[in-house]
Amino acid sequence: MNPITTATLVATTLLLVALSLNVSRLRLHHKISAGDGGHRDLAAAVRAHGNLVEQWPLLLLLWMAESRGAAGATLVAIAGVVVLARLLHAAGMLARLPLLRRAGHVLSLVCLLSLAVTLGWSLLRG
């Protein structure tokens, strides 16, 4: 079992459930079964939820790096930043705070690059 990836999956899955429930709550509130009906709050909730799902390659890269024996401390740090980034992005989307959203996006990109380099380095080492 990969404990770092597992802990990160648990944290991001809890966030995913919270974001999904928020979309459902807003759909019920606005009586919308599909789409956003032109409601900005629902559109933001749908995008916050969808963006988290779109970032699953982060978790796949984390799992692959951990499976290949990449340094634990490095992966713990990256995993922590992944969770923080996704929380910042979701909060920024829902509260319409572009600075938080951008910070989450930039941190996610840094994590993607860090994981790609970590995984690439582990491949080169054999």
C-alpha atoms as a PDB file:
ATOM      1  CA  MET A   1       0.000   0.000   0.000  1.00  0.00           C
ATOM      2  CA  ASN A   2       1.182   3.519  -0.729  1.00  0.00           C
ATOM      3  CA  PRO A   3       0.400   5.517   2.431  1.00  0.00           C
ATOM      4  CA  ILE A   4       1.246   8.967   1.039  1.00  0.00           C
ATOM      5  CA  THR A   5      -0.947   8.507  -2.017  1.00  0.00           C
ATOM      6  CA  THR A   6      -3.679   6.892   0.086  1.00  0.00           C
ATOM      7  CA  ALA A   7      -3.777   9.820   2.533  1.00  0.00           C
ATOM      8  CA  THR A   8      -3.852  12.287  -0.361  1.00  0.00           C
ATOM      9  CA  LEU A   9      -6.642  10.341  -2.045  1.00  0.00           C
ATOM     10  CA  VAL A  10      -8.670  10.329   1.173  1.00  0.00           C
ATOM     11  CA  ALA A  11      -8.266  14.096   1.606  1.00  0.00           C
ATOM     12  CA  THR A  12      -9.081  14.937  -2.004  1.00  0.00           C
ATOM     13  CA  THR A  13     -11.988  12.481  -2.065  1.00  0.00           C
ATOM     14  CA  LEU A  14     -13.506  14.182   0.979  1.00  0.00           C
ATOM     15  CA  LEU A  15     -13.130  17.512  -0.829  1.00  0.00           C
ATOM     16  CA  LEU A  16     -14.701  15.971  -3.940  1.00  0.00           C
ATOM     17  CA  VAL A  17     -17.698  14.749  -1.920  1.00  0.00           C
ATOM     18  CA  ALA A  18     -18.108  18.184  -0.315  1.00  0.00           C
ATOM     19  CA  LEU A  19     -17.961  19.911  -3.705  1.00  0.00           C
ATOM     20  CA  SER A  20     -20.417  17.407  -5.188  1.00  0.00           C
ATOM     21  CA  LEU A  21     -22.859  17.923  -2.335  1.00  0.00           C
ATOM     22  CA  ASN A  22     -22.546  21.674  -2.832  1.00  0.00           C
ATOM     23  CA  VAL A  23     -23.491  21.282  -6.510  1.00  0.00           C
ATOM     24  CA  SER A  24     -26.472  19.127  -5.516  1.00  0.00           C
ATOM     25  CA  ARG A  25     -27.551  21.655  -2.874  1.00  0.00           C
ATOM     26  CA  LEU A  26     -27.443  24.500  -5.378  1.00  0.00           C
ATOM     27  CA  ARG A  27     -29.257  22.462  -8.039  1.00  0.00           C
ATOM     28  CA  LEU A  28     -32.061  21.816  -5.556  1.00  0.00           C
ATOM     29  CA  HIS A  29     -32.095  25.457  -4.465  1.00  0.00           C
ATOM     30  CA  HIS A  30     -32.334  26.732  -8.051  1.00  0.00           C
ATOM     31  CA  LYS A  31     -34.494  23.811  -9.251  1.00  0.00           C
ATOM     32  CA  ILE A  32     -31.977  22.999 -12.018  1.00  0.00           C
ATOM     33  CA  SER A  33     -31.397  19.378 -13.004  1.00  0.00           C
ATOM     34  CA  ALA A  34     -28.641  19.948 -15.573  1.00  0.00           C
ATOM     35  CA  GLY A  35     -26.316  22.791 -16.445  1.00  0.00           C
ATOM     36  CA  ASP A  36     -26.232  25.940 -14.350  1.00  0.00           C
ATOM     37  CA  GLY A  37     -29.369  27.720 -15.581  1.00  0.00           C
ATOM     38  CA  GLY A  38     -27.407  30.966 -15.759  1.00  0.00           C
ATOM     39  CA  HIS A  39     -26.845  31.021 -11.997  1.00  0.00           C
ATOM     40  CA  ARG A  40     -23.314  32.216 -11.243  1.00  0.00           C
ATOM     41  CA  ASP A  41     -23.101  30.408  -7.902  1.00  0.00           C
ATOM     42  CA  LEU A  42     -24.090  27.094  -9.508  1.00  0.00           C
ATOM     43  CA  ALA A  43     -21.706  27.628 -12.431  1.00  0.00           C
ATOM     44  CA  ALA A  44     -18.858  28.265  -9.989  1.00  0.00           C
ATOM     45  CA  ALA A  45     -19.780  25.185  -7.953  1.00  0.00           C
ATOM     46  CA  VAL A  46     -19.877  22.985 -11.062  1.00  0.00           C
ATOM     47  CA  ARG A  47     -16.465  24.281 -12.191  1.00  0.00           C
ATOM     48  CA  ALA A  48     -14.909  23.875  -8.728  1.00  0.00           C
ATOM     49  CA  HIS A  49     -16.097  20.263  -8.681  1.00  0.00           C
ATOM     50  CA  GLY A  50     -15.067  19.604 -12.270  1.00  0.00           C
ATOM     51  CA  ASN A  51     -11.652  21.171 -11.860  1.00  0.00           C
ATOM     52  CA  LEU A  52     -10.813  18.879  -8.962  1.00  0.00           C
ATOM     53  CA  VAL A  53     -11.718  15.867 -11.095  1.00  0.00           C
ATOM     54  CA  GLU A  54      -9.590  17.243 -13.942  1.00  0.00           C
ATOM     55  CA  GLN A  55      -6.565  17.280 -11.640  1.00  0.00           C
ATOM     56  CA  TRP A  56      -6.510  13.500 -11.079  1.00  0.00           C
ATOM     57  CA  PRO A  57      -3.189  13.177 -12.975  1.00  0.00           C
ATOM     58  CA  LEU A  58      -1.591  14.717  -9.876  1.00  0.00           C
ATOM     59  CA  LEU A  59      -2.694  11.710  -7.851  1.00  0.00           C
ATOM     60  CA  LEU A  60      -1.676   9.251 -10.542  1.00  0.00           C
ATOM     61  CA  LEU A  61       1.800  10.777 -10.725  1.00  0.00           C
ATOM     62  CA  LEU A  62       2.037  10.736  -6.930  1.00  0.00           C
ATOM     63  CA  TRP A  63       1.095   7.053  -6.847  1.00  0.00           C
ATOM     64  CA  MET A  64       3.598   6.190  -9.568  1.00  0.00           C
ATOM     65  CA  ALA A  65       6.416   8.111  -7.867  1.00  0.00           C
ATOM     66  CA  GLU A  66       5.640   6.495  -4.518  1.00  0.00           C
ATOM     67  CA  SER A  67       5.456   3.051  -6.127  1.00  0.00           C
ATOM     68  CA  ARG A  68       8.917   3.589  -7.621  1.00  0.00           C
ATOM     69  CA  GLY A  69      10.341   4.431  -4.202  1.00  0.00           C
ATOM     70  CA  ALA A  70      10.776   8.190  -4.579  1.00  0.00           C
ATOM     71  CA  ALA A  71      11.933   9.968  -1.413  1.00  0.00           C
ATOM     72  CA  GLY A  72       9.193   9.895   1.209  1.00  0.00           C
ATOM     73  CA  ALA A  73       9.825  13.378   2.613  1.00  0.00           C
ATOM     74  CA  THR A  74       9.671  14.884  -0.876  1.00  0.00           C
ATOM     75  CA  LEU A  75       6.408  13.111  -1.651  1.00  0.00           C
ATOM     76  CA  VAL A  76       4.861  14.076   1.699  1.00  0.00           C
ATOM     77  CA  ALA A  77       5.666  17.717   0.946  1.00  0.00           C
ATOM     78  CA  ILE A  78       4.283  17.502  -2.583  1.00  0.00           C
ATOM     79  CA  ALA A  79       1.164  15.670  -1.376  1.00  0.00           C
ATOM     80  CA  GLY A  80       0.538  18.353   1.237  1.00  0.00           C
ATOM     81  CA  VAL A  81       0.850  21.064  -1.380  1.00  0.00           C
ATOM     82  CA  VAL A  82      -1.507  19.128  -3.700  1.00  0.00           C
ATOM     83  CA  VAL A  83      -4.217  19.111  -1.023  1.00  0.00           C
ATOM     84  CA  LEU A  84      -3.584  22.766  -0.163  1.00  0.00           C
ATOM     85  CA  ALA A  85      -3.659  23.737  -3.844  1.00  0.00           C
ATOM     86  CA  ARG A  86      -6.950  22.000  -4.457  1.00  0.00           C
ATOM     87  CA  LEU A  87      -8.506  23.576  -1.343  1.00  0.00           C
ATOM     88  CA  LEU A  88      -7.309  27.043  -2.386  1.00  0.00           C
ATOM     89  CA  HIS A  89      -8.604  26.591  -5.912  1.00  0.00           C
ATOM     90  CA  ALA A  90     -12.026  25.379  -4.757  1.00  0.00           C
ATOM     91  CA  ALA A  91     -12.328  28.164  -2.173  1.00  0.00           C
ATOM     92  CA  GLY A  92     -11.305  30.733  -4.761  1.00  0.00           C
ATOM     93  CA  MET A  93     -13.878  29.460  -7.236  1.00  0.00           C
ATOM     94  CA  LEU A  94     -16.721  29.334  -4.741  1.00  0.00           C
ATOM     95  CA  ALA A  95     -15.968  32.641  -3.040  1.00  0.00           C
ATOM     96  CA  ARG A  96     -15.088  34.339  -6.343  1.00  0.00           C
ATOM     97  CA  LEU A  97     -11.633  35.202  -5.078  1.00  0.00           C
ATOM     98  CA  PRO A  98      -9.406  35.054  -8.160  1.00  0.00           C
ATOM     99  CA  LEU A  99      -6.187  35.321  -6.146  1.00  0.00           C
ATOM    100  CA  LEU A 100      -6.972  32.102  -4.244  1.00  0.00           C
ATOM    101  CA  ARG A 101      -8.006  30.349  -7.443  1.00  0.00           C
ATOM    102  CA  ARG A 102      -4.804  31.410  -9.188  1.00  0.00           C
ATOM    103  CA  ALA A 103      -2.676  30.394  -6.212  1.00  0.00           C
ATOM    104  CA  GLY A 104      -4.297  26.956  -6.266  1.00  0.00           C
ATOM    105  CA  HIS A 105      -3.708  26.681  -9.988  1.00  0.00           C
ATOM    106  CA  VAL A 106      -0.058  27.722  -9.782  1.00  0.00           C
ATOM    107  CA  LEU A 107       0.606  25.364  -6.867  1.00  0.00           C
ATOM    108  CA  SER A 108      -1.049  22.537  -8.807  1.00  0.00           C
ATOM    109  CA  LEU A 109       1.237  23.214 -11.770  1.00  0.00           C
ATOM    110  CA  VAL A 110       4.270  23.257  -9.482  1.00  0.00           C
ATOM    111  CA  CYS A 111       3.166  19.889  -8.086  1.00  0.00           C
ATOM    112  CA  LEU A 112       2.646  18.452 -11.565  1.00  0.00           C
ATOM    113  CA  LEU A 113       6.119  19.537 -12.613  1.00  0.00           C
ATOM    114  CA  SER A 114       7.678  18.359  -9.340  1.00  0.00           C
ATOM    115  CA  LEU A 115       6.058  14.950  -9.651  1.00  0.00           C
ATOM    116  CA  ALA A 116       7.044  14.641 -13.310  1.00  0.00           C
ATOM    117  CA  VAL A 117      10.663  15.475 -12.432  1.00  0.00           C
ATOM    118  CA  THR A 118      10.614  13.139  -9.409  1.00  0.00           C
ATOM    119  CA  LEU A 119       9.178  10.317 -11.468  1.00  0.00           C
ATOM    120  CA  GLY A 120      11.531  10.986 -14.385  1.00  0.00           C
ATOM    121  CA  TRP A 121      14.513  11.015 -12.015  1.00  0.00           C
ATOM    122  CA  SER A 122      13.449   7.681 -10.524  1.00  0.00           C
ATOM    123  CA  LEU A 123      13.236   6.217 -14.024  1.00  0.00           C
ATOM    124  CA  LEU A 124      16.735   7.452 -14.903  1.00  0.00           C
ATOM    125  CA  ARG A 125      18.151   5.925 -11.720  1.00  0.00           C
ATOM    126  CA  GLY A 126      16.627   2.618 -12.721  1.00  0.00           C
END
